[in-house]
């Protein structure tokens, strides 16, 4: 099992949420392998991404700025695995050998991504696997990526006014002082990346009105084409 180096010398597709971990994993994997595209799972209505609630227009703009095609599938949780596996099988037919993900804490045994990639005839690459959380987020920021907090869990130490904040070293220190994982690996928060060293240009976004749903608060983003 060599998940950290799975993309080395190979063609890969990247599981893409548009957030910091998936972008950092793409950055690392692209240094040693060849990216063929991005895979994004949408909610069953197809109006926003399953993981971070981004509209397809923002995802497409991120993919354009990264210079990669994006492949999407809409699914409920009941048919998520089937649709994700279908995307993997299509990627294999187009030459992909590896699926790259941004997971840090995936268990060595019973890993869902390991199971579905094997079923689709692919290998698994996780460049950030077992990386220290503080080290990962500091590397992301120091490389020059720009990320906005777009989702917070209000029961895990996050606040409504954290929405829309840029991820900086100062914010990381503040979050840790509040007892929050600096990578949000406990589901405390999610981000959307709009610029960085592998982006050809920044993604112009406009912030919409906050939405609350039980313990979560969301900051919808839309493309700013003005």
C-alpha atoms as a PDB file:
ATOM      1  CA  UNK A   1       0.000   0.000   0.000  1.00  0.00           C
ATOM      2  CA  UNK A   2       1.663   3.205  -1.213  1.00  0.00           C
ATOM      3  CA  UNK A   3      -1.225   5.616  -1.255  1.00  0.00           C
ATOM      4  CA  UNK A   4       0.920   8.717  -0.677  1.00  0.00           C
ATOM      5  CA  UNK A   5       2.850   8.066  -3.898  1.00  0.00           C
ATOM      6  CA  UNK A   6       0.050   6.486  -5.900  1.00  0.00           C
ATOM      7  CA  UNK A   7       0.083   9.138  -8.643  1.00  0.00           C
ATOM      8  CA  UNK A   8       3.835   8.989  -9.220  1.00  0.00           C
ATOM      9  CA  UNK A   9       4.521   8.546 -12.920  1.00  0.00           C
ATOM     10  CA  UNK A  10       0.855   7.812 -13.672  1.00  0.00           C
ATOM     11  CA  UNK A  11      -2.172   9.450 -15.261  1.00  0.00           C
ATOM     12  CA  UNK A  12      -4.867  10.310 -12.750  1.00  0.00           C
ATOM     13  CA  UNK A  13      -8.236  11.891 -12.154  1.00  0.00           C
ATOM     14  CA  UNK A  14      -8.839  13.829  -8.947  1.00  0.00           C
ATOM     15  CA  UNK A  15     -11.865  13.665  -6.704  1.00  0.00           C
ATOM     16  CA  UNK A  16     -12.640  17.362  -6.444  1.00  0.00           C
ATOM     17  CA  UNK A  17     -14.681  19.249  -3.865  1.00  0.00           C
ATOM     18  CA  UNK A  18     -13.245  22.642  -4.792  1.00  0.00           C
ATOM     19  CA  UNK A  19     -11.929  22.939  -1.234  1.00  0.00           C
ATOM     20  CA  UNK A  20      -8.421  23.261   0.139  1.00  0.00           C
ATOM     21  CA  UNK A  21      -7.602  19.571   0.674  1.00  0.00           C
ATOM     22  CA  UNK A  22      -8.658  18.425  -2.783  1.00  0.00           C
ATOM     23  CA  UNK A  23      -6.793  21.338  -4.389  1.00  0.00           C
ATOM     24  CA  UNK A  24      -3.614  20.702  -2.380  1.00  0.00           C
ATOM     25  CA  UNK A  25      -3.770  16.996  -3.283  1.00  0.00           C
ATOM     26  CA  UNK A  26      -4.176  17.941  -6.959  1.00  0.00           C
ATOM     27  CA  UNK A  27      -1.181  20.269  -6.679  1.00  0.00           C
ATOM     28  CA  UNK A  28       1.007  17.578  -5.114  1.00  0.00           C
ATOM     29  CA  UNK A  29      -0.093  14.823  -7.489  1.00  0.00           C
ATOM     30  CA  UNK A  30       0.421  17.048 -10.541  1.00  0.00           C
ATOM     31  CA  UNK A  31       4.096  17.421  -9.624  1.00  0.00           C
ATOM     32  CA  UNK A  32       4.689  13.696 -10.100  1.00  0.00           C
ATOM     33  CA  UNK A  33       1.853  12.518 -12.365  1.00  0.00           C
ATOM     34  CA  UNK A  34      -0.422  13.712 -15.162  1.00  0.00           C
ATOM     35  CA  UNK A  35      -3.884  15.054 -14.315  1.00  0.00           C
ATOM     36  CA  UNK A  36      -6.598  14.105 -16.818  1.00  0.00           C
ATOM     37  CA  UNK A  37      -9.615  15.664 -15.133  1.00  0.00           C
ATOM     38  CA  UNK A  38     -11.697  16.367 -12.052  1.00  0.00           C
ATOM     39  CA  UNK A  39     -14.554  14.282 -10.658  1.00  0.00           C
ATOM     40  CA  UNK A  40     -17.356  16.088  -8.840  1.00  0.00           C
ATOM     41  CA  UNK A  41     -20.428  14.531  -7.274  1.00  0.00           C
ATOM     42  CA  UNK A  42     -23.585  16.656  -7.229  1.00  0.00           C
ATOM     43  CA  UNK A  43     -26.704  16.379  -5.100  1.00  0.00           C
ATOM     44  CA  UNK A  44     -29.540  14.533  -6.813  1.00  0.00           C
ATOM     45  CA  UNK A  45     -31.090  17.742  -8.170  1.00  0.00           C
ATOM     46  CA  UNK A  46     -27.772  18.613  -9.847  1.00  0.00           C
ATOM     47  CA  UNK A  47     -27.857  22.190  -8.555  1.00  0.00           C
ATOM     48  CA  UNK A  48     -24.898  22.059  -6.162  1.00  0.00           C
ATOM     49  CA  UNK A  49     -21.977  19.840  -5.223  1.00  0.00           C
ATOM     50  CA  UNK A  50     -22.546  17.074  -2.717  1.00  0.00           C
ATOM     51  CA  UNK A  51     -19.606  17.976  -0.495  1.00  0.00           C
ATOM     52  CA  UNK A  52     -19.368  21.772  -0.334  1.00  0.00           C
ATOM     53  CA  UNK A  53     -22.637  22.990  -1.803  1.00  0.00           C
ATOM     54  CA  UNK A  54     -21.079  24.788  -4.777  1.00  0.00           C
ATOM     55  CA  UNK A  55     -23.140  25.482  -7.912  1.00  0.00           C
ATOM     56  CA  UNK A  56     -21.942  23.776 -11.093  1.00  0.00           C
ATOM     57  CA  UNK A  57     -21.047  27.173 -12.583  1.00  0.00           C
ATOM     58  CA  UNK A  58     -18.449  27.836  -9.873  1.00  0.00           C
ATOM     59  CA  UNK A  59     -17.061  24.307 -10.188  1.00  0.00           C
ATOM     60  CA  UNK A  60     -16.784  24.732 -13.966  1.00  0.00           C
ATOM     61  CA  UNK A  61     -14.971  28.047 -13.464  1.00  0.00           C
ATOM     62  CA  UNK A  62     -12.529  26.416 -11.043  1.00  0.00           C
ATOM     63  CA  UNK A  63     -11.888  23.623 -13.558  1.00  0.00           C
ATOM     64  CA  UNK A  64     -11.356  26.162 -16.340  1.00  0.00           C
ATOM     65  CA  UNK A  65      -8.867  28.094 -14.201  1.00  0.00           C
ATOM     66  CA  UNK A  66      -7.071  24.800 -13.477  1.00  0.00           C
ATOM     67  CA  UNK A  67      -7.069  23.897 -17.167  1.00  0.00           C
ATOM     68  CA  UNK A  68      -8.809  20.553 -16.619  1.00  0.00           C
ATOM     69  CA  UNK A  69     -12.095  19.027 -17.752  1.00  0.00           C
ATOM     70  CA  UNK A  70     -14.646  18.292 -15.059  1.00  0.00           C
ATOM     71  CA  UNK A  71     -16.885  15.222 -14.987  1.00  0.00           C
ATOM     72  CA  UNK A  72     -19.978  15.275 -12.787  1.00  0.00           C
ATOM     73  CA  UNK A  73     -22.717  12.913 -11.697  1.00  0.00           C
ATOM     74  CA  UNK A  74     -25.838  13.721  -9.687  1.00  0.00           C
ATOM     75  CA  UNK A  75     -26.751  11.190  -7.023  1.00  0.00           C
ATOM     76  CA  UNK A  76     -28.607  10.641  -3.785  1.00  0.00           C
ATOM     77  CA  UNK A  77     -26.750   8.985  -0.942  1.00  0.00           C
ATOM     78  CA  UNK A  78     -28.452   5.720  -1.908  1.00  0.00           C
ATOM     79  CA  UNK A  79     -26.927   5.612  -5.396  1.00  0.00           C
ATOM     80  CA  UNK A  80     -23.775   7.622  -4.641  1.00  0.00           C
ATOM     81  CA  UNK A  81     -21.393   4.669  -4.821  1.00  0.00           C
ATOM     82  CA  UNK A  82     -22.860   3.402  -8.094  1.00  0.00           C
ATOM     83  CA  UNK A  83     -22.605   6.807  -9.786  1.00  0.00           C
ATOM     84  CA  UNK A  84     -19.120   7.502  -8.430  1.00  0.00           C
ATOM     85  CA  UNK A  85     -17.947   4.104  -9.658  1.00  0.00           C
ATOM     86  CA  UNK A  86     -19.406   4.887 -13.082  1.00  0.00           C
ATOM     87  CA  UNK A  87     -17.317   8.077 -13.224  1.00  0.00           C
ATOM     88  CA  UNK A  88     -14.229   6.064 -12.270  1.00  0.00           C
ATOM     89  CA  UNK A  89     -14.874   3.464 -14.945  1.00  0.00           C
ATOM     90  CA  UNK A  90     -15.299   6.195 -17.576  1.00  0.00           C
ATOM     91  CA  UNK A  91     -12.039   7.780 -16.409  1.00  0.00           C
ATOM     92  CA  UNK A  92     -10.233   4.455 -16.773  1.00  0.00           C
ATOM     93  CA  UNK A  93     -11.516   4.148 -20.336  1.00  0.00           C
ATOM     94  CA  UNK A  94     -10.019   7.575 -21.043  1.00  0.00           C
ATOM     95  CA  UNK A  95      -6.592   6.498 -19.808  1.00  0.00           C
ATOM     96  CA  UNK A  96      -6.671   7.203 -16.068  1.00  0.00           C
ATOM     97  CA  UNK A  97      -4.731   4.784 -13.882  1.00  0.00           C
ATOM     98  CA  UNK A  98      -5.233   6.408 -10.468  1.00  0.00           C
ATOM     99  CA  UNK A  99      -7.854   8.277  -8.459  1.00  0.00           C
ATOM    100  CA  UNK A 100      -6.343  11.062  -6.352  1.00  0.00           C
ATOM    101  CA  UNK A 101      -8.177  12.268  -3.235  1.00  0.00           C
ATOM    102  CA  UNK A 102      -7.406  14.864  -0.576  1.00  0.00           C
ATOM    103  CA  UNK A 103      -8.006  12.629   2.441  1.00  0.00           C
ATOM    104  CA  UNK A 104      -5.690  13.010   5.435  1.00  0.00           C
ATOM    105  CA  UNK A 105      -7.133  10.566   7.944  1.00  0.00           C
ATOM    106  CA  UNK A 106      -8.408   7.667   5.845  1.00  0.00           C
ATOM    107  CA  UNK A 107      -8.040   4.348   7.753  1.00  0.00           C
ATOM    108  CA  UNK A 108      -5.536   1.896   6.342  1.00  0.00           C
ATOM    109  CA  UNK A 109      -8.163  -0.842   6.375  1.00  0.00           C
ATOM    110  CA  UNK A 110     -11.787  -0.523   5.335  1.00  0.00           C
ATOM    111  CA  UNK A 111     -11.074   2.510   3.155  1.00  0.00           C
ATOM    112  CA  UNK A 112     -14.097   3.279   0.941  1.00  0.00           C
ATOM    113  CA  UNK A 113     -12.007   4.909  -1.780  1.00  0.00           C
ATOM    114  CA  UNK A 114      -9.721   1.881  -1.880  1.00  0.00           C
ATOM    115  CA  UNK A 115     -12.725  -0.389  -2.402  1.00  0.00           C
ATOM    116  CA  UNK A 116     -14.351   1.639  -5.197  1.00  0.00           C
ATOM    117  CA  UNK A 117     -11.103   2.264  -7.073  1.00  0.00           C
ATOM    118  CA  UNK A 118     -10.297  -1.449  -7.065  1.00  0.00           C
ATOM    119  CA  UNK A 119     -13.813  -2.230  -8.279  1.00  0.00           C
ATOM    120  CA  UNK A 120     -13.305   0.230 -11.152  1.00  0.00           C
ATOM    121  CA  UNK A 121      -9.859  -1.111 -12.044  1.00  0.00           C
ATOM    122  CA  UNK A 122      -7.929   1.915 -10.760  1.00  0.00           C
ATOM    123  CA  UNK A 123      -5.277   2.540  -8.118  1.00  0.00           C
ATOM    124  CA  UNK A 124      -5.574   5.065  -5.286  1.00  0.00           C
ATOM    125  CA  UNK A 125      -3.384   8.082  -4.607  1.00  0.00           C
ATOM    126  CA  UNK A 126      -3.672  10.198  -1.449  1.00  0.00           C
ATOM    127  CA  UNK A 127      -0.728  12.655  -1.344  1.00  0.00           C
ATOM    128  CA  UNK A 128      -1.882  14.137   1.987  1.00  0.00           C
ATOM    129  CA  UNK A 129      -2.519  10.817   3.735  1.00  0.00           C
ATOM    130  CA  UNK A 130      -1.429  10.823   7.405  1.00  0.00           C
ATOM    131  CA  UNK A 131      -0.083  14.376   7.062  1.00  0.00           C
ATOM    132  CA  UNK A 132      -0.148  16.561  10.173  1.00  0.00           C
ATOM    133  CA  UNK A 133      -3.216  18.770   9.955  1.00  0.00           C
ATOM    134  CA  UNK A 134      -1.434  21.985  10.906  1.00  0.00           C
ATOM    135  CA  UNK A 135       1.353  21.218   8.444  1.00  0.00           C
ATOM    136  CA  UNK A 136      -1.134  20.609   5.622  1.00  0.00           C
ATOM    137  CA  UNK A 137      -3.053  23.845   6.053  1.00  0.00           C
ATOM    138  CA  UNK A 138       0.129  25.900   6.538  1.00  0.00           C
ATOM    139  CA  UNK A 139       1.600  24.418   3.370  1.00  0.00           C
ATOM    140  CA  UNK A 140      -1.594  25.269   1.493  1.00  0.00           C
ATOM    141  CA  UNK A 141      -1.505  28.894   2.657  1.00  0.00           C
ATOM    142  CA  UNK A 142       2.252  29.354   2.208  1.00  0.00           C
ATOM    143  CA  UNK A 143       2.026  28.114  -1.376  1.00  0.00           C
ATOM    144  CA  UNK A 144      -0.198  31.091  -2.107  1.00  0.00           C
ATOM    145  CA  UNK A 145      -3.639  29.497  -2.447  1.00  0.00           C
ATOM    146  CA  UNK A 146      -6.707  31.600  -1.662  1.00  0.00           C
ATOM    147  CA  UNK A 147      -9.663  29.908   0.027  1.00  0.00           C
ATOM    148  CA  UNK A 148     -12.951  31.177   1.459  1.00  0.00           C
ATOM    149  CA  UNK A 149     -14.858  29.500   4.302  1.00  0.00           C
ATOM    150  CA  UNK A 150     -18.260  28.592   2.834  1.00  0.00           C
ATOM    151  CA  UNK A 151     -19.749  26.083   5.303  1.00  0.00           C
ATOM    152  CA  UNK A 152     -19.624  25.964   9.106  1.00  0.00           C
ATOM    153  CA  UNK A 153     -21.000  23.582  11.698  1.00  0.00           C
ATOM    154  CA  UNK A 154     -22.359  25.767  14.483  1.00  0.00           C
ATOM    155  CA  UNK A 155     -22.214  22.933  17.036  1.00  0.00           C
ATOM    156  CA  UNK A 156     -18.460  22.394  16.592  1.00  0.00           C
ATOM    157  CA  UNK A 157     -17.101  25.792  17.591  1.00  0.00           C
ATOM    158  CA  UNK A 158     -17.670  27.636  14.323  1.00  0.00           C
ATOM    159  CA  UNK A 159     -19.745  30.813  14.078  1.00  0.00           C
ATOM    160  CA  UNK A 160     -21.887  32.466  11.444  1.00  0.00           C
ATOM    161  CA  UNK A 161     -19.388  35.319  11.135  1.00  0.00           C
ATOM    162  CA  UNK A 162     -16.686  32.819  10.127  1.00  0.00           C
ATOM    163  CA  UNK A 163     -18.432  32.474   6.783  1.00  0.00           C
ATOM    164  CA  UNK A 164     -16.675  34.415   4.040  1.00  0.00           C
ATOM    165  CA  UNK A 165     -13.379  34.652   5.901  1.00  0.00           C
ATOM    166  CA  UNK A 166     -10.196  33.956   3.961  1.00  0.00           C
ATOM    167  CA  UNK A 167      -8.045  31.100   5.214  1.00  0.00           C
ATOM    168  CA  UNK A 168      -4.886  32.714   6.609  1.00  0.00           C
ATOM    169  CA  UNK A 169      -2.202  31.713   9.089  1.00  0.00           C
ATOM    170  CA  UNK A 170      -3.768  34.148  11.569  1.00  0.00           C
ATOM    171  CA  UNK A 171      -7.161  32.494  11.179  1.00  0.00           C
ATOM    172  CA  UNK A 172      -5.592  29.043  11.623  1.00  0.00           C
ATOM    173  CA  UNK A 173      -4.104  30.157  14.947  1.00  0.00           C
ATOM    174  CA  UNK A 174      -7.455  31.601  16.002  1.00  0.00           C
ATOM    175  CA  UNK A 175      -9.324  28.411  15.120  1.00  0.00           C
ATOM    176  CA  UNK A 176      -6.857  26.289  17.081  1.00  0.00           C
ATOM    177  CA  UNK A 177      -7.237  28.607  20.075  1.00  0.00           C
ATOM    178  CA  UNK A 178     -10.986  27.978  19.830  1.00  0.00           C
ATOM    179  CA  UNK A 179     -10.368  24.214  19.895  1.00  0.00           C
ATOM    180  CA  UNK A 180     -11.109  23.730  16.192  1.00  0.00           C
ATOM    181  CA  UNK A 181      -9.103  21.424  13.932  1.00  0.00           C
ATOM    182  CA  UNK A 182      -7.124  23.703  11.551  1.00  0.00           C
ATOM    183  CA  UNK A 183      -8.093  21.515   8.586  1.00  0.00           C
ATOM    184  CA  UNK A 184     -11.728  21.169   9.643  1.00  0.00           C
ATOM    185  CA  UNK A 185     -11.279  17.388   9.526  1.00  0.00           C
ATOM    186  CA  UNK A 186     -14.013  16.914  12.104  1.00  0.00           C
ATOM    187  CA  UNK A 187     -16.517  18.582   9.762  1.00  0.00           C
ATOM    188  CA  UNK A 188     -16.147  21.971  11.442  1.00  0.00           C
ATOM    189  CA  UNK A 189     -15.891  23.911   8.176  1.00  0.00           C
ATOM    190  CA  UNK A 190     -15.436  23.668   4.416  1.00  0.00           C
ATOM    191  CA  UNK A 191     -13.717  26.018   1.981  1.00  0.00           C
ATOM    192  CA  UNK A 192     -13.791  26.974  -1.682  1.00  0.00           C
ATOM    193  CA  UNK A 193     -10.479  27.739  -3.412  1.00  0.00           C
ATOM    194  CA  UNK A 194     -10.539  30.622  -5.887  1.00  0.00           C
ATOM    195  CA  UNK A 195      -6.857  31.171  -6.739  1.00  0.00           C
ATOM    196  CA  UNK A 196      -3.385  29.715  -6.337  1.00  0.00           C
ATOM    197  CA  UNK A 197      -0.201  28.545  -8.047  1.00  0.00           C
ATOM    198  CA  UNK A 198      -1.938  25.988 -10.297  1.00  0.00           C
ATOM    199  CA  UNK A 199      -4.752  28.386 -11.268  1.00  0.00           C
ATOM    200  CA  UNK A 200      -4.320  30.189 -14.594  1.00  0.00           C
ATOM    201  CA  UNK A 201      -6.390  33.037 -13.150  1.00  0.00           C
ATOM    202  CA  UNK A 202      -8.511  33.792 -10.111  1.00  0.00           C
ATOM    203  CA  UNK A 203     -12.128  32.623 -10.068  1.00  0.00           C
ATOM    204  CA  UNK A 204     -14.360  35.702  -9.667  1.00  0.00           C
ATOM    205  CA  UNK A 205     -17.104  34.981  -7.147  1.00  0.00           C
ATOM    206  CA  UNK A 206     -19.800  36.971  -5.424  1.00  0.00           C
ATOM    207  CA  UNK A 207     -21.104  36.132  -1.961  1.00  0.00           C
ATOM    208  CA  UNK A 208     -24.826  35.562  -1.572  1.00  0.00           C
ATOM    209  CA  UNK A 209     -26.998  35.690   1.552  1.00  0.00           C
ATOM    210  CA  UNK A 210     -26.207  33.160   4.264  1.00  0.00           C
ATOM    211  CA  UNK A 211     -28.428  30.082   4.570  1.00  0.00           C
ATOM    212  CA  UNK A 212     -28.988  28.145   7.802  1.00  0.00           C
ATOM    213  CA  UNK A 213     -30.056  24.509   7.964  1.00  0.00           C
ATOM    214  CA  UNK A 214     -30.194  23.044  11.459  1.00  0.00           C
ATOM    215  CA  UNK A 215     -26.611  23.015  12.812  1.00  0.00           C
ATOM    216  CA  UNK A 216     -25.068  24.248   9.551  1.00  0.00           C
ATOM    217  CA  UNK A 217     -24.682  27.677   8.021  1.00  0.00           C
ATOM    218  CA  UNK A 218     -23.744  28.112   4.361  1.00  0.00           C
ATOM    219  CA  UNK A 219     -22.400  30.993   2.302  1.00  0.00           C
ATOM    220  CA  UNK A 220     -23.576  30.472  -1.277  1.00  0.00           C
ATOM    221  CA  UNK A 221     -21.198  31.712  -3.946  1.00  0.00           C
ATOM    222  CA  UNK A 222     -21.977  32.591  -7.534  1.00  0.00           C
ATOM    223  CA  UNK A 223     -19.782  33.612 -10.438  1.00  0.00           C
ATOM    224  CA  UNK A 224     -19.223  37.352 -10.643  1.00  0.00           C
ATOM    225  CA  UNK A 225     -19.335  38.072 -14.373  1.00  0.00           C
ATOM    226  CA  UNK A 226     -19.812  41.828 -13.991  1.00  0.00           C
END
